[in-house]
């Protein structure tokens, strides 16, 4: 730092000294070290807390991944389900085409009535409209799946037309392992661990803080001229100093006590939240397993029913060809086949939903 000053001094003996444009420059610098030796082990609690925050972030990412993968799986198999419904509609269309062809042949030989042909054409057109709608639903679900997977829109692909599910799910094993594998529960447990470290930090504020302080200082002053003979033209100071400092908390308006109580209340709330989440997850697993078992039994029945319904339609169509039945009887059997197909497709799809929910709650969708 450079100085240019005007100075005037009045000394004790009555003499006066005065000068203008007294120039000088100063140079100073210092290096300091402050090292906390003891703070009630608060520094160690803070270090552990930061490492726990890293683990908490990883668990939150895994929880989000598990939920995202579950959405992708459910959306994918919903497309498969809609594709099976499309296949069922096309089977109905094939039957209605046979009805129309048969009605036209009967009219051509003078054995049929036009209302039967017209009704067959109406039913066929209805199935064609249903097919167009079903194809649109499938396209919409594919675009939705593209968005979930962050794939470019209008990406084209085909999906399988079959749904498979696991047969080795044991609900007892899932319930036993859920506390160590469910990401949501692990996130809450990690927050409890962080809460205890926060409590440890608050309690450390009751203890004195011992610190080691040191510094190396350097200063240099150069004066071009002086008006006082005792003022040096050149002065330099440099040296090292150190010491121990102790800060003792005596009274701060009971802030530390209040912060300790707040930290303890946070831990108590997290423990209650954990128990509530555990209860809800156990209930979700139990209900999903019951639905899983129900749908497997239902699937066996519906697979038998679809064979019976198809055979019934085949017999009704043959009877109509032979003239021993009416188109009304065939339409009734068609309705039965349509309902049986819907139930069968649902019975194939629902166990997959239950299986995905199992694995989501267990946390096994992402390794």
Protein backbone atom coordinates (compact mmCIF):
# COMPACT_ATOMS: atom_id res chain seq x y z
CA UNK A 1 0.00 0.00 0.00
CA UNK A 2 1.42 3.40 -0.98
CA UNK A 3 0.77 6.58 1.04
CA UNK A 4 1.26 10.28 0.33
CA UNK A 5 0.44 12.31 3.46
CA UNK A 6 0.77 15.79 4.89
CA UNK A 7 1.89 15.64 8.55
CA UNK A 8 1.89 18.19 11.36
CA UNK A 9 3.11 17.41 14.90
CA UNK A 10 3.09 19.48 18.11
CA UNK A 11 5.54 18.08 20.65
CA UNK A 12 5.48 18.35 24.44
CA UNK A 13 8.31 20.87 24.50
CA UNK A 14 6.26 23.24 22.37
CA UNK A 15 8.12 22.63 19.17
CA UNK A 16 6.28 22.10 15.91
CA UNK A 17 7.13 19.90 12.97
CA UNK A 18 5.31 20.00 9.67
CA UNK A 19 5.93 18.51 6.26
CA UNK A 20 4.00 17.83 3.10
CA UNK A 21 4.07 14.95 0.58
CA UNK A 22 5.54 12.42 2.98
CA UNK A 23 5.55 9.22 1.01
CA UNK A 24 5.72 5.67 2.32
CA UNK A 25 4.73 2.16 1.32
CA UNK A 26 3.56 -0.73 3.45
CA UNK A 27 3.62 -4.46 2.70
CA UNK A 28 1.95 -6.97 5.00
CA UNK A 29 0.74 -10.55 4.89
CA UNK A 30 -0.12 -13.46 7.14
CA UNK A 31 -0.88 -17.18 7.07
CA UNK A 32 -3.22 -18.50 9.75
CA UNK A 33 -4.10 -21.99 10.91
CA UNK A 34 -7.13 -22.73 13.10
CA UNK A 35 -7.53 -26.38 14.04
CA UNK A 36 -10.38 -27.61 16.22
CA UNK A 37 -9.03 -30.22 18.61
CA UNK A 38 -12.23 -31.05 20.46
CA UNK A 39 -15.89 -30.04 19.95
CA UNK A 40 -17.76 -32.79 21.73
CA UNK A 41 -17.09 -35.13 18.77
CA UNK A 42 -19.46 -33.03 16.64
CA UNK A 43 -17.02 -33.07 13.70
CA UNK A 44 -17.10 -36.88 13.59
CA UNK A 45 -20.91 -36.93 13.71
CA UNK A 46 -21.01 -34.43 10.84
CA UNK A 47 -18.56 -36.53 8.81
CA UNK A 48 -20.66 -39.68 9.34
CA UNK A 49 -23.81 -37.72 8.52
CA UNK A 50 -22.41 -36.62 5.16
CA UNK A 51 -21.51 -40.21 4.27
CA UNK A 52 -25.05 -41.28 5.21
CA UNK A 53 -26.46 -38.59 2.91
CA UNK A 54 -24.51 -40.16 0.02
CA UNK A 55 -26.05 -43.57 0.80
CA UNK A 56 -29.49 -41.95 1.14
CA UNK A 57 -29.14 -40.48 -2.34
CA UNK A 58 -28.28 -43.90 -3.76
CA UNK A 59 -31.32 -45.44 -2.08
CA UNK A 60 -33.61 -42.70 -3.40
CA UNK A 61 -32.31 -43.31 -6.92
CA UNK A 62 -32.87 -47.06 -6.55
CA UNK A 63 -36.40 -46.48 -5.24
CA UNK A 64 -37.18 -44.30 -8.26
CA UNK A 65 -35.66 -46.87 -10.60
CA UNK A 66 -37.74 -49.69 -9.09
CA UNK A 67 -40.95 -47.69 -9.51
CA UNK A 68 -40.03 -46.69 -13.07
CA UNK A 69 -39.19 -50.26 -14.07
CA UNK A 70 -42.51 -51.44 -12.59
CA UNK A 71 -44.35 -48.86 -14.72
CA UNK A 72 -42.47 -50.01 -17.83
CA UNK A 73 -43.26 -53.69 -17.16
CA UNK A 74 -46.95 -53.01 -16.49
CA UNK A 75 -47.22 -50.84 -19.60
CA UNK A 76 -45.48 -53.45 -21.75
CA UNK A 77 -47.76 -56.29 -20.65
CA UNK A 78 -50.78 -54.03 -21.03
CA UNK A 79 -49.78 -53.79 -24.70
CA UNK A 80 -49.56 -57.60 -24.82
CA UNK A 81 -53.01 -57.80 -23.24
CA UNK A 82 -54.47 -55.39 -25.78
CA UNK A 83 -52.82 -57.39 -28.55
CA UNK A 84 -54.54 -60.54 -27.29
CA UNK A 85 -57.85 -58.66 -27.24
CA UNK A 86 -57.17 -57.65 -30.85
CA UNK A 87 -56.65 -61.31 -31.72
CA UNK A 88 -59.97 -62.20 -30.04
CA UNK A 89 -61.73 -59.48 -32.06
CA UNK A 90 -60.24 -60.86 -35.28
CA UNK A 91 -61.51 -64.34 -34.34
CA UNK A 92 -65.00 -62.87 -33.95
CA UNK A 93 -64.59 -61.17 -37.32
CA UNK A 94 -63.73 -64.53 -38.91
CA UNK A 95 -66.93 -66.05 -37.49
CA UNK A 96 -69.01 -63.11 -38.72
CA UNK A 97 -67.46 -63.40 -42.18
CA UNK A 98 -68.54 -67.06 -42.24
CA UNK A 99 -72.04 -65.95 -41.19
CA UNK A 100 -72.21 -63.41 -44.02
CA UNK A 101 -70.90 -65.92 -46.57
CA UNK A 102 -73.37 -68.56 -45.40
CA UNK A 103 -76.28 -66.09 -45.46
CA UNK A 104 -75.40 -65.06 -49.03
CA UNK A 105 -75.29 -68.69 -50.15
CA UNK A 106 -78.69 -69.37 -48.57
CA UNK A 107 -80.22 -66.37 -50.32
CA UNK A 108 -78.71 -67.42 -53.64
CA UNK A 109 -80.46 -70.82 -53.45
CA UNK A 110 -83.66 -69.34 -52.08
CA UNK A 111 -83.35 -70.81 -48.58
CA UNK A 112 -82.32 -67.69 -46.63
CA UNK A 113 -83.75 -64.37 -45.56
CA UNK A 114 -82.16 -60.98 -46.18
CA UNK A 115 -82.46 -59.79 -42.51
CA UNK A 116 -80.08 -62.59 -41.54
CA UNK A 117 -77.54 -61.33 -44.11
CA UNK A 118 -77.99 -57.72 -43.04
CA UNK A 119 -77.53 -58.57 -39.35
CA UNK A 120 -74.41 -60.53 -40.16
CA UNK A 121 -72.98 -57.56 -42.09
CA UNK A 122 -73.86 -55.19 -39.23
CA UNK A 123 -72.06 -57.44 -36.73
CA UNK A 124 -69.07 -57.76 -39.06
CA UNK A 125 -68.78 -53.98 -39.49
CA UNK A 126 -69.03 -53.56 -35.72
CA UNK A 127 -66.10 -55.95 -35.28
CA UNK A 128 -64.10 -54.07 -37.93
CA UNK A 129 -64.69 -50.81 -36.05
CA UNK A 130 -63.67 -52.52 -32.80
CA UNK A 131 -60.47 -53.72 -34.49
CA UNK A 132 -59.59 -50.20 -35.64
CA UNK A 133 -60.18 -48.87 -32.13
CA UNK A 134 -58.09 -51.67 -30.62
CA UNK A 135 -55.21 -50.96 -33.00
CA UNK A 136 -55.31 -47.30 -31.96
CA UNK A 137 -55.22 -48.25 -28.28
CA UNK A 138 -52.14 -50.40 -28.93
CA UNK A 139 -50.39 -47.55 -30.79
CA UNK A 140 -51.16 -45.15 -27.93
CA UNK A 141 -49.79 -47.56 -25.35
CA UNK A 142 -46.62 -48.01 -27.40
CA UNK A 143 -46.07 -44.25 -27.47
CA UNK A 144 -46.65 -44.18 -23.71
CA UNK A 145 -44.05 -46.94 -23.31
CA UNK A 146 -41.62 -44.93 -25.47
CA UNK A 147 -42.04 -41.99 -23.14
CA UNK A 148 -41.46 -44.14 -20.03
CA UNK A 149 -38.29 -45.61 -21.55
CA UNK A 150 -37.12 -42.22 -22.88
CA UNK A 151 -37.20 -43.59 -26.42
CA UNK A 152 -37.78 -41.34 -29.43
CA UNK A 153 -41.45 -40.90 -30.26
CA UNK A 154 -42.92 -42.91 -33.14
CA UNK A 155 -40.36 -45.67 -32.64
CA UNK A 156 -41.89 -48.83 -34.10
CA UNK A 157 -41.57 -52.32 -32.64
CA UNK A 158 -43.63 -55.43 -32.01
CA UNK A 159 -44.30 -57.10 -28.68
CA UNK A 160 -44.91 -60.71 -27.82
CA UNK A 161 -48.51 -61.95 -27.78
CA UNK A 162 -47.98 -64.18 -24.73
CA UNK A 163 -47.74 -63.46 -20.99
CA UNK A 164 -45.60 -65.58 -18.72
CA UNK A 165 -45.24 -65.31 -14.96
CA UNK A 166 -43.19 -66.93 -12.25
CA UNK A 167 -44.38 -69.96 -10.33
CA UNK A 168 -41.76 -69.87 -7.55
CA UNK A 169 -43.04 -66.90 -5.54
CA UNK A 170 -43.15 -67.63 -1.80
CA UNK A 171 -44.86 -64.89 0.20
CA UNK A 172 -43.14 -65.87 3.45
CA UNK A 173 -39.70 -65.29 1.96
CA UNK A 174 -40.73 -61.88 0.64
CA UNK A 175 -42.21 -60.78 3.97
CA UNK A 176 -39.08 -61.95 5.79
CA UNK A 177 -36.71 -60.06 3.48
CA UNK A 178 -38.72 -56.91 2.82
CA UNK A 179 -37.04 -54.87 5.59
CA UNK A 180 -33.63 -55.38 4.01
CA UNK A 181 -34.64 -55.10 0.35
CA UNK A 182 -37.55 -52.65 0.02
CA UNK A 183 -36.08 -49.30 -1.13
CA UNK A 184 -38.78 -47.21 0.53
CA UNK A 185 -38.17 -48.82 3.93
CA UNK A 186 -34.41 -48.54 3.47
CA UNK A 187 -34.79 -44.81 2.72
CA UNK A 188 -36.76 -44.30 5.94
CA UNK A 189 -34.23 -46.34 7.95
CA UNK A 190 -31.40 -44.26 6.51
CA UNK A 191 -33.25 -41.08 7.50
CA UNK A 192 -33.51 -42.48 11.04
CA UNK A 193 -29.74 -43.06 11.07
CA UNK A 194 -29.21 -39.47 9.91
CA UNK A 195 -31.62 -38.32 12.63
CA UNK A 196 -29.50 -39.99 15.33
CA UNK A 197 -26.36 -38.32 13.96
CA UNK A 198 -28.16 -34.97 13.99
CA UNK A 199 -29.08 -35.60 17.62
CA UNK A 200 -25.43 -36.35 18.34
CA UNK A 201 -24.46 -33.04 16.73
CA UNK A 202 -26.95 -31.14 18.88
CA UNK A 203 -25.73 -32.79 22.07
CA UNK A 204 -22.12 -31.91 21.18
CA UNK A 205 -23.03 -28.21 21.43
CA UNK A 206 -23.12 -28.64 25.23
CA UNK A 207 -19.36 -29.31 25.37
CA UNK A 208 -16.54 -26.73 25.25
CA UNK A 209 -14.61 -26.26 22.02
CA UNK A 210 -10.83 -26.54 22.19
CA UNK A 211 -8.89 -25.23 19.22
CA UNK A 212 -5.26 -24.72 18.24
CA UNK A 213 -4.57 -21.32 16.66
CA UNK A 214 -1.38 -20.24 14.92
CA UNK A 215 -0.25 -17.62 12.43
CA UNK A 216 2.82 -16.41 10.59
CA UNK A 217 2.79 -12.62 10.08
CA UNK A 218 4.96 -10.43 7.90
CA UNK A 219 4.95 -6.64 7.52
CA UNK A 220 7.34 -4.10 6.01
CA UNK A 221 7.16 -0.31 6.01
CA UNK A 222 9.40 1.98 3.97
CA UNK A 223 9.28 5.78 4.55
CA UNK A 224 10.84 8.17 2.04
CA UNK A 225 11.16 10.87 4.69
CA UNK A 226 10.04 11.45 8.29
CA UNK A 227 9.52 14.54 10.42
CA UNK A 228 10.13 12.73 13.71
CA UNK A 229 13.66 11.53 14.28
CA UNK A 230 12.38 8.55 16.26
CA UNK A 231 10.34 7.31 13.31
CA UNK A 232 12.25 4.64 11.36
CA UNK A 233 12.78 4.97 7.65
CA UNK A 234 12.53 1.21 7.28
CA UNK A 235 10.68 -1.20 9.55
CA UNK A 236 10.08 -4.95 9.10
CA UNK A 237 8.31 -7.43 11.38
CA UNK A 238 7.90 -11.13 10.81
CA UNK A 239 7.32 -14.02 13.15
CA UNK A 240 5.27 -17.04 14.20
CA UNK A 241 2.74 -17.15 17.03
CA UNK A 242 0.49 -19.89 18.34
CA UNK A 243 -1.80 -20.77 21.22
CA UNK A 244 -4.72 -22.81 22.52
CA UNK A 245 -8.25 -21.40 22.63
CA UNK A 246 -11.17 -22.69 24.67
CA UNK A 247 -14.80 -21.67 24.13
CA UNK A 248 -17.12 -22.71 26.96
CA UNK A 249 -20.92 -22.50 26.41
CA UNK A 250 -22.59 -21.07 29.48
CA UNK A 251 -26.04 -19.80 28.48
CA UNK A 252 -27.60 -19.29 25.04
CA UNK A 253 -31.27 -19.02 25.86
CA UNK A 254 -31.72 -22.83 26.07
CA UNK A 255 -31.33 -23.08 22.28
CA UNK A 256 -29.27 -26.26 22.56
CA UNK A 257 -31.90 -27.92 24.76
CA UNK A 258 -34.62 -26.97 22.28
CA UNK A 259 -32.60 -28.27 19.33
CA UNK A 260 -31.96 -31.57 21.12
CA UNK A 261 -35.69 -31.99 21.81
CA UNK A 262 -36.51 -31.20 18.17
CA UNK A 263 -33.97 -33.76 16.92
CA UNK A 264 -35.44 -36.40 19.24
CA UNK A 265 -38.98 -35.62 18.05
CA UNK A 266 -37.82 -36.01 14.42
CA UNK A 267 -36.44 -39.46 15.26
CA UNK A 268 -39.67 -40.48 17.01
CA UNK A 269 -41.73 -39.34 14.00
CA UNK A 270 -39.48 -41.26 11.58
CA UNK A 271 -39.83 -44.42 13.68
CA UNK A 272 -43.63 -44.11 13.60
CA UNK A 273 -43.49 -43.46 9.85
CA UNK A 274 -41.32 -46.55 9.38
CA UNK A 275 -43.75 -48.78 11.27
CA UNK A 276 -46.66 -47.39 9.23
CA UNK A 277 -44.85 -47.97 5.93
CA UNK A 278 -43.87 -51.50 7.01
CA UNK A 279 -47.51 -52.28 7.86
CA UNK A 280 -48.76 -50.94 4.51
CA UNK A 281 -46.12 -52.86 2.56
CA UNK A 282 -46.88 -56.09 4.42
CA UNK A 283 -50.57 -55.60 3.66
CA UNK A 284 -49.79 -54.87 0.00
CA UNK A 285 -47.69 -58.05 -0.28
CA UNK A 286 -50.36 -60.16 1.42
CA UNK A 287 -53.16 -58.83 -0.79
CA UNK A 288 -51.04 -59.13 -3.93
CA UNK A 289 -50.26 -62.77 -3.09
CA UNK A 290 -53.95 -63.56 -2.50
CA UNK A 291 -54.83 -61.97 -5.83
CA UNK A 292 -51.93 -63.82 -7.46
CA UNK A 293 -53.21 -67.18 -6.19
CA UNK A 294 -56.80 -66.32 -7.18
CA UNK A 295 -55.81 -65.37 -10.71
CA UNK A 296 -53.78 -68.57 -11.17
CA UNK A 297 -56.82 -70.66 -10.21
CA UNK A 298 -59.07 -68.50 -12.36
CA UNK A 299 -56.69 -68.91 -15.29
CA UNK A 300 -57.03 -72.71 -15.16
CA UNK A 301 -60.83 -72.41 -15.26
CA UNK A 302 -60.84 -69.83 -18.06
CA UNK A 303 -58.49 -71.90 -20.20
CA UNK A 304 -61.00 -74.74 -19.93
CA UNK A 305 -63.92 -72.37 -20.59
CA UNK A 306 -62.36 -70.94 -23.77
CA UNK A 307 -62.07 -74.43 -25.25
CA UNK A 308 -65.71 -75.13 -24.44
CA UNK A 309 -66.83 -71.79 -25.87
CA UNK A 310 -64.88 -72.31 -29.11
CA UNK A 311 -66.31 -75.80 -29.51
CA UNK A 312 -69.81 -74.45 -28.86
CA UNK A 313 -69.38 -71.79 -31.58
CA UNK A 314 -68.05 -74.39 -34.00
CA UNK A 315 -71.09 -76.63 -33.38
CA UNK A 316 -73.52 -73.70 -33.70
CA UNK A 317 -71.92 -72.61 -36.97
CA UNK A 318 -72.12 -76.14 -38.38
CA UNK A 319 -75.76 -76.44 -37.29
CA UNK A 320 -76.46 -73.17 -39.08
CA UNK A 321 -74.92 -74.55 -42.26
CA UNK A 322 -77.12 -77.62 -42.01
CA UNK A 323 -80.19 -75.49 -41.41
CA UNK A 324 -80.95 -76.99 -37.97
CA UNK A 325 -80.21 -73.76 -36.10
CA UNK A 326 -80.72 -70.00 -36.40
CA UNK A 327 -78.32 -67.10 -36.49
CA UNK A 328 -79.70 -65.99 -33.10
CA UNK A 329 -78.35 -69.17 -31.52
CA UNK A 330 -74.97 -68.57 -33.19
CA UNK A 331 -74.88 -64.98 -31.92
CA UNK A 332 -75.48 -66.17 -28.35
CA UNK A 333 -72.58 -68.60 -28.61
CA UNK A 334 -70.45 -65.80 -30.05
CA UNK A 335 -71.24 -63.60 -27.06
CA UNK A 336 -70.26 -66.42 -24.74
CA UNK A 337 -66.97 -66.81 -26.62
CA UNK A 338 -66.32 -63.07 -26.44
CA UNK A 339 -66.89 -62.97 -22.68
CA UNK A 340 -64.78 -66.09 -22.17
CA UNK A 341 -61.94 -64.51 -24.18
CA UNK A 342 -62.07 -61.32 -22.11
CA UNK A 343 -61.96 -63.27 -18.85
CA UNK A 344 -59.11 -65.46 -20.08
CA UNK A 345 -56.99 -62.51 -21.19
CA UNK A 346 -57.60 -60.78 -17.85
CA UNK A 347 -56.70 -63.99 -16.00
CA UNK A 348 -53.40 -64.09 -17.92
CA UNK A 349 -52.64 -60.42 -17.31
CA UNK A 350 -53.57 -60.07 -13.63
CA UNK A 351 -51.00 -62.60 -12.29
CA UNK A 352 -48.28 -60.63 -14.09
CA UNK A 353 -49.44 -57.43 -12.40
CA UNK A 354 -49.37 -59.19 -9.02
CA UNK A 355 -45.91 -60.62 -9.75
CA UNK A 356 -44.57 -57.18 -10.69
CA UNK A 357 -46.03 -55.70 -7.51
CA UNK A 358 -44.34 -58.47 -5.50
CA UNK A 359 -40.96 -57.70 -6.99
CA UNK A 360 -41.48 -53.94 -6.69
CA UNK A 361 -42.30 -54.18 -2.98
CA UNK A 362 -39.39 -56.52 -2.42
CA UNK A 363 -37.05 -54.29 -4.45
CA UNK A 364 -35.93 -57.05 -6.83
CA UNK A 365 -36.81 -55.28 -10.09
CA UNK A 366 -33.41 -53.52 -10.04
CA UNK A 367 -30.29 -55.35 -8.94
